[in-house]
C-alpha atoms as a PDB file:
ATOM      1  CA  MET A   1     -37.546  31.206 -39.351  1.00  0.00           C
ATOM      2  CA  GLU A   2     -40.742  30.002 -41.339  1.00  0.00           C
ATOM      3  CA  SER A   3     -38.545  28.810 -44.354  1.00  0.00           C
ATOM      4  CA  ALA A   4     -36.356  26.685 -42.039  1.00  0.00           C
ATOM      5  CA  ALA A   5     -39.371  25.302 -40.618  1.00  0.00           C
ATOM      6  CA  THR A   6     -40.969  24.480 -43.984  1.00  0.00           C
ATOM      7  CA  MET A   7     -37.769  23.051 -45.238  1.00  0.00           C
ATOM      8  CA  SER A   8     -37.595  20.584 -42.341  1.00  0.00           C
ATOM      9  CA  PHE A   9     -41.187  19.588 -42.660  1.00  0.00           C
ATOM     10  CA  VAL A  10     -40.598  18.962 -46.472  1.00  0.00           C
ATOM     11  CA  LEU A  11     -37.536  16.899 -45.560  1.00  0.00           C
ATOM     12  CA  VAL A  12     -39.142  14.914 -43.005  1.00  0.00           C
ATOM     13  CA  LEU A  13     -41.926  14.214 -44.953  1.00  0.00           C
ATOM     14  CA  SER A  14     -40.135  13.271 -48.139  1.00  0.00           C
ATOM     15  CA  GLU A  15     -38.262  10.789 -45.861  1.00  0.00           C
ATOM     16  CA  PHE A  16     -40.901   9.131 -43.814  1.00  0.00           C
ATOM     17  CA  LEU A  17     -44.150   9.254 -46.082  1.00  0.00           C
ATOM     18  CA  PRO A  18     -42.537   6.611 -48.620  1.00  0.00           C
ATOM     19  CA  VAL A  19     -41.660   4.284 -46.034  1.00  0.00           C
ATOM     20  CA  GLY A  20     -45.233   3.393 -45.287  1.00  0.00           C
ATOM     21  CA  LEU A  21     -45.993   3.127 -49.147  1.00  0.00           C
ATOM     22  CA  LEU A  22     -42.818   0.739 -50.139  1.00  0.00           C
ATOM     23  CA  PRO A  23     -44.632  -2.489 -50.614  1.00  0.00           C
ATOM     24  CA  ALA A  24     -47.434  -0.354 -52.821  1.00  0.00           C
ATOM     25  CA  ILE A  25     -44.747   1.362 -54.680  1.00  0.00           C
ATOM     26  CA  GLY A  26     -42.673  -1.918 -55.214  1.00  0.00           C
ATOM     27  CA  ASP A  27     -45.833  -3.807 -56.234  1.00  0.00           C
ATOM     28  CA  SER A  28     -46.407  -1.069 -58.889  1.00  0.00           C
ATOM     29  CA  LEU A  29     -42.789  -0.920 -60.115  1.00  0.00           C
ATOM     30  CA  HIS A  30     -42.573  -4.863 -60.130  1.00  0.00           C
ATOM     31  CA  VAL A  31     -39.634  -4.614 -57.646  1.00  0.00           C
ATOM     32  CA  ASN A  32     -39.148  -6.167 -54.163  1.00  0.00           C
ATOM     33  CA  THR A  33     -39.736  -3.948 -51.146  1.00  0.00           C
ATOM     34  CA  GLY A  34     -36.149  -3.761 -50.297  1.00  0.00           C
ATOM     35  CA  THR A  35     -35.368  -2.133 -53.867  1.00  0.00           C
ATOM     36  CA  ALA A  36     -38.079   0.050 -53.446  1.00  0.00           C
ATOM     37  CA  GLY A  37     -36.726   1.128 -50.073  1.00  0.00           C
ATOM     38  CA  LEU A  38     -33.760   2.666 -51.877  1.00  0.00           C
ATOM     39  CA  LEU A  39     -36.164   5.551 -52.505  1.00  0.00           C
ATOM     40  CA  VAL A  40     -35.539   6.904 -49.007  1.00  0.00           C
ATOM     41  CA  VAL A  41     -31.680   6.879 -49.702  1.00  0.00           C
ATOM     42  CA  VAL A  42     -31.703  10.161 -51.607  1.00  0.00           C
ATOM     43  CA  PRO A  43     -34.015  12.393 -49.192  1.00  0.00           C
ATOM     44  CA  GLY A  44     -32.006  11.247 -46.526  1.00  0.00           C
ATOM     45  CA  LEU A  45     -28.995  12.143 -47.982  1.00  0.00           C
ATOM     46  CA  ALA A  46     -30.471  15.439 -48.924  1.00  0.00           C
ATOM     47  CA  ALA A  47     -31.306  15.945 -45.362  1.00  0.00           C
ATOM     48  CA  ALA A  48     -27.940  14.765 -44.161  1.00  0.00           C
ATOM     49  CA  VAL A  49     -26.214  17.644 -46.222  1.00  0.00           C
ATOM     50  CA  ALA A  50     -29.272  20.338 -45.869  1.00  0.00           C
ATOM     51  CA  ALA A  51     -29.429  20.096 -41.967  1.00  0.00           C
ATOM     52  CA  PRO A  52     -26.184  21.442 -40.978  1.00  0.00           C
ATOM     53  CA  LEU A  53     -26.405  24.294 -43.845  1.00  0.00           C
ATOM     54  CA  LEU A  54     -29.955  25.340 -42.296  1.00  0.00           C
ATOM     55  CA  THR A  55     -28.413  25.092 -38.851  1.00  0.00           C
ATOM     56  CA  MET A  56     -25.781  27.500 -39.832  1.00  0.00           C
ATOM     57  CA  ALA A  57     -28.339  29.606 -41.924  1.00  0.00           C
END
């Protein structure tokens, strides 16, 4: 049970933490905020795949 809670915490953190930092990330990478926003797509897809698997486990 602890591993499922830990994985849920990590996935949620990896999705929501970058959202608040997107303007700073975009500035440091010299891209606009919309392009930097693509950084949240990969963790979101990982969460979409992992959530059913964790639920079944």
